[in-house]
Amino acid sequence: MKATIILAALLVIVAARPEPPADTYGAVVTQAPKYGPPTPVYGEPTYEDVRPSYKYSYKVKDEEAGLDFGHKEEREGYEAIGEYWVLLPDGRTMIVPYKANKQGYQPVIKFIEPQKHNGY
């Protein structure tokens, strides 16, 4: 009798054991999705042909720091004319007037020597 009770208890325990989780992953897809050509969003952009035209300049002068440089330029159509300058550490000023057009960038480099003071 005891053996029957023990056997019945073991059967209840085994029957009550939870089942392992089922395989929830789907089958492996071996073929990539097929896409058609992209739908065009808009046509080829068009731009109005406008002749460039501008003027600008800037200048920095700080005697305490020893800074003196600047740049100015004007452009009308496809030709730009301007100059830039800078105070060099040796006291000279380098000035570079230039022209830029279909023939390229054409600078002319000049140096201005510092003024000599003869005293009183």
C-alpha atoms as a PDB file:
ATOM      1  CA  MET A   1       0.000   0.000   0.000  1.00  0.00           C
ATOM      2  CA  LYS A   2       2.763   2.393   0.899  1.00  0.00           C
ATOM      3  CA  ALA A   3       4.380   1.632  -2.422  1.00  0.00           C
ATOM      4  CA  THR A   4       1.156   2.482  -4.245  1.00  0.00           C
ATOM      5  CA  ILE A   5       0.843   5.808  -2.431  1.00  0.00           C
ATOM      6  CA  ILE A   6       4.472   6.689  -3.148  1.00  0.00           C
ATOM      7  CA  LEU A   7       4.045   5.663  -6.785  1.00  0.00           C
ATOM      8  CA  ALA A   8       0.856   7.723  -7.086  1.00  0.00           C
ATOM      9  CA  ALA A   9       2.589  10.733  -5.491  1.00  0.00           C
ATOM     10  CA  LEU A  10       5.488  10.454  -7.923  1.00  0.00           C
ATOM     11  CA  LEU A  11       3.061  10.288 -10.853  1.00  0.00           C
ATOM     12  CA  VAL A  12       1.299  13.443  -9.616  1.00  0.00           C
ATOM     13  CA  ILE A  13       4.630  15.263  -9.257  1.00  0.00           C
ATOM     14  CA  VAL A  14       5.783  14.237 -12.737  1.00  0.00           C
ATOM     15  CA  ALA A  15       2.428  15.145 -14.285  1.00  0.00           C
ATOM     16  CA  ALA A  16       2.434  18.566 -12.581  1.00  0.00           C
ATOM     17  CA  ARG A  17       5.913  19.431 -13.883  1.00  0.00           C
ATOM     18  CA  PRO A  18       5.746  22.480 -16.220  1.00  0.00           C
ATOM     19  CA  GLU A  19       6.375  21.918 -19.902  1.00  0.00           C
ATOM     20  CA  PRO A  20       9.483  23.510 -21.459  1.00  0.00           C
ATOM     21  CA  PRO A  21       8.705  26.618 -23.496  1.00  0.00           C
ATOM     22  CA  ALA A  22       7.768  26.021 -27.090  1.00  0.00           C
ATOM     23  CA  ASP A  23      10.061  27.208 -29.895  1.00  0.00           C
ATOM     24  CA  THR A  24       8.542  30.619 -30.697  1.00  0.00           C
ATOM     25  CA  TYR A  25      10.914  31.613 -33.488  1.00  0.00           C
ATOM     26  CA  GLY A  26       9.592  31.432 -37.032  1.00  0.00           C
ATOM     27  CA  ALA A  27      11.272  29.806 -39.956  1.00  0.00           C
ATOM     28  CA  VAL A  28      14.455  31.413 -41.308  1.00  0.00           C
ATOM     29  CA  VAL A  29      13.791  33.608 -44.356  1.00  0.00           C
ATOM     30  CA  THR A  30      16.375  32.835 -47.004  1.00  0.00           C
ATOM     31  CA  GLN A  31      15.225  35.225 -49.725  1.00  0.00           C
ATOM     32  CA  ALA A  32      15.675  38.992 -49.410  1.00  0.00           C
ATOM     33  CA  PRO A  33      12.681  41.207 -50.143  1.00  0.00           C
ATOM     34  CA  LYS A  34      12.540  42.652 -53.638  1.00  0.00           C
ATOM     35  CA  TYR A  35      12.235  46.395 -54.115  1.00  0.00           C
ATOM     36  CA  GLY A  36      11.427  48.271 -57.280  1.00  0.00           C
ATOM     37  CA  PRO A  37      13.130  51.476 -58.420  1.00  0.00           C
ATOM     38  CA  PRO A  38      12.669  54.463 -56.106  1.00  0.00           C
ATOM     39  CA  THR A  39       9.820  56.791 -56.857  1.00  0.00           C
ATOM     40  CA  PRO A  40      11.175  60.174 -57.989  1.00  0.00           C
ATOM     41  CA  VAL A  41      10.348  62.899 -55.505  1.00  0.00           C
ATOM     42  CA  TYR A  42      10.919  65.873 -57.790  1.00  0.00           C
ATOM     43  CA  GLY A  43      12.421  66.794 -61.125  1.00  0.00           C
ATOM     44  CA  GLU A  44      15.916  68.039 -61.916  1.00  0.00           C
ATOM     45  CA  PRO A  45      16.528  71.385 -60.141  1.00  0.00           C
ATOM     46  CA  THR A  46      16.906  74.463 -62.276  1.00  0.00           C
ATOM     47  CA  TYR A  47      18.769  77.579 -61.268  1.00  0.00           C
ATOM     48  CA  GLU A  48      18.456  81.060 -62.618  1.00  0.00           C
ATOM     49  CA  ASP A  49      21.716  82.357 -64.084  1.00  0.00           C
ATOM     50  CA  VAL A  50      22.402  85.448 -61.992  1.00  0.00           C
ATOM     51  CA  ARG A  51      25.566  87.491 -62.343  1.00  0.00           C
ATOM     52  CA  PRO A  52      27.289  87.603 -58.968  1.00  0.00           C
ATOM     53  CA  SER A  53      27.688  91.052 -57.477  1.00  0.00           C
ATOM     54  CA  TYR A  54      28.928  91.992 -54.017  1.00  0.00           C
ATOM     55  CA  LYS A  55      31.233  94.257 -52.006  1.00  0.00           C
ATOM     56  CA  TYR A  56      32.726  93.586 -48.617  1.00  0.00           C
ATOM     57  CA  SER A  57      35.579  94.667 -46.413  1.00  0.00           C
ATOM     58  CA  TYR A  58      36.924  94.282 -42.909  1.00  0.00           C
ATOM     59  CA  LYS A  59      39.764  95.815 -40.949  1.00  0.00           C
ATOM     60  CA  VAL A  60      41.428  94.938 -37.643  1.00  0.00           C
ATOM     61  CA  LYS A  61      43.735  97.411 -35.917  1.00  0.00           C
ATOM     62  CA  ASP A  62      44.876  96.878 -32.344  1.00  0.00           C
ATOM     63  CA  GLU A  63      48.024  98.870 -31.602  1.00  0.00           C
ATOM     64  CA  GLU A  64      48.423  97.376 -28.136  1.00  0.00           C
ATOM     65  CA  ALA A  65      48.503  93.835 -29.577  1.00  0.00           C
ATOM     66  CA  GLY A  66      50.426  94.911 -32.682  1.00  0.00           C
ATOM     67  CA  LEU A  67      47.678  93.841 -35.078  1.00  0.00           C
ATOM     68  CA  ASP A  68      46.863  95.623 -38.324  1.00  0.00           C
ATOM     69  CA  PHE A  69      45.295  93.650 -41.164  1.00  0.00           C
ATOM     70  CA  GLY A  70      42.292  93.713 -43.431  1.00  0.00           C
ATOM     71  CA  HIS A  71      40.713  92.753 -46.705  1.00  0.00           C
ATOM     72  CA  LYS A  72      38.372  94.372 -49.203  1.00  0.00           C
ATOM     73  CA  GLU A  73      36.871  92.943 -52.359  1.00  0.00           C
ATOM     74  CA  GLU A  74      34.331  93.835 -55.030  1.00  0.00           C
ATOM     75  CA  ARG A  75      32.836  91.446 -57.529  1.00  0.00           C
ATOM     76  CA  GLU A  76      30.816  92.255 -60.583  1.00  0.00           C
ATOM     77  CA  GLY A  77      29.964  89.322 -62.810  1.00  0.00           C
ATOM     78  CA  TYR A  78      32.799  86.862 -62.994  1.00  0.00           C
ATOM     79  CA  GLU A  79      35.649  89.198 -62.057  1.00  0.00           C
ATOM     80  CA  ALA A  80      36.708  90.024 -58.512  1.00  0.00           C
ATOM     81  CA  ILE A  81      39.077  92.859 -57.619  1.00  0.00           C
ATOM     82  CA  GLY A  82      40.428  93.472 -54.149  1.00  0.00           C
ATOM     83  CA  GLU A  83      43.358  93.689 -51.811  1.00  0.00           C
ATOM     84  CA  TYR A  84      44.430  92.489 -48.427  1.00  0.00           C
ATOM     85  CA  TRP A  85      47.134  93.740 -46.119  1.00  0.00           C
ATOM     86  CA  VAL A  86      48.903  92.702 -42.951  1.00  0.00           C
ATOM     87  CA  LEU A  87      51.461  94.272 -40.624  1.00  0.00           C
ATOM     88  CA  LEU A  88      54.410  91.861 -40.485  1.00  0.00           C
ATOM     89  CA  PRO A  89      56.470  91.177 -37.332  1.00  0.00           C
ATOM     90  CA  ASP A  90      59.470  93.068 -38.784  1.00  0.00           C
ATOM     91  CA  GLY A  91      57.392  96.269 -39.058  1.00  0.00           C
ATOM     92  CA  ARG A  92      56.784  96.129 -42.800  1.00  0.00           C
ATOM     93  CA  THR A  93      53.278  96.083 -44.209  1.00  0.00           C
ATOM     94  CA  MET A  94      52.515  93.567 -46.930  1.00  0.00           C
ATOM     95  CA  ILE A  95      49.823  94.697 -49.377  1.00  0.00           C
ATOM     96  CA  VAL A  96      48.459  92.322 -52.001  1.00  0.00           C
ATOM     97  CA  PRO A  97      46.164  93.854 -54.608  1.00  0.00           C
ATOM     98  CA  TYR A  98      44.666  91.174 -56.850  1.00  0.00           C
ATOM     99  CA  LYS A  99      42.291  90.418 -59.663  1.00  0.00           C
ATOM    100  CA  ALA A 100      40.548  87.075 -60.146  1.00  0.00           C
ATOM    101  CA  ASN A 101      38.789  86.239 -63.405  1.00  0.00           C
ATOM    102  CA  LYS A 102      38.772  83.634 -66.176  1.00  0.00           C
ATOM    103  CA  GLN A 103      42.552  83.982 -66.455  1.00  0.00           C
ATOM    104  CA  GLY A 104      42.935  82.979 -62.795  1.00  0.00           C
ATOM    105  CA  TYR A 105      44.097  84.659 -59.611  1.00  0.00           C
ATOM    106  CA  GLN A 106      46.545  87.494 -60.353  1.00  0.00           C
ATOM    107  CA  PRO A 107      48.134  88.950 -57.203  1.00  0.00           C
ATOM    108  CA  VAL A 108      50.776  91.693 -57.012  1.00  0.00           C
ATOM    109  CA  ILE A 109      52.722  91.544 -53.742  1.00  0.00           C
ATOM    110  CA  LYS A 110      54.083  94.824 -52.347  1.00  0.00           C
ATOM    111  CA  PHE A 111      55.929  95.670 -49.149  1.00  0.00           C
ATOM    112  CA  ILE A 112      55.916  99.049 -47.420  1.00  0.00           C
ATOM    113  CA  GLU A 113      58.862  99.719 -45.137  1.00  0.00           C
ATOM    114  CA  PRO A 114      58.149 101.226 -41.703  1.00  0.00           C
ATOM    115  CA  GLN A 115      58.656 104.969 -41.333  1.00  0.00           C
ATOM    116  CA  LYS A 116      62.021 105.915 -39.849  1.00  0.00           C
ATOM    117  CA  HIS A 117      61.972 108.591 -37.171  1.00  0.00           C
ATOM    118  CA  ASN A 118      65.065 110.823 -37.032  1.00  0.00           C
ATOM    119  CA  GLY A 119      64.288 112.194 -33.626  1.00  0.00           C
ATOM    120  CA  TYR A 120      63.608 115.875 -32.918  1.00  0.00           C
END
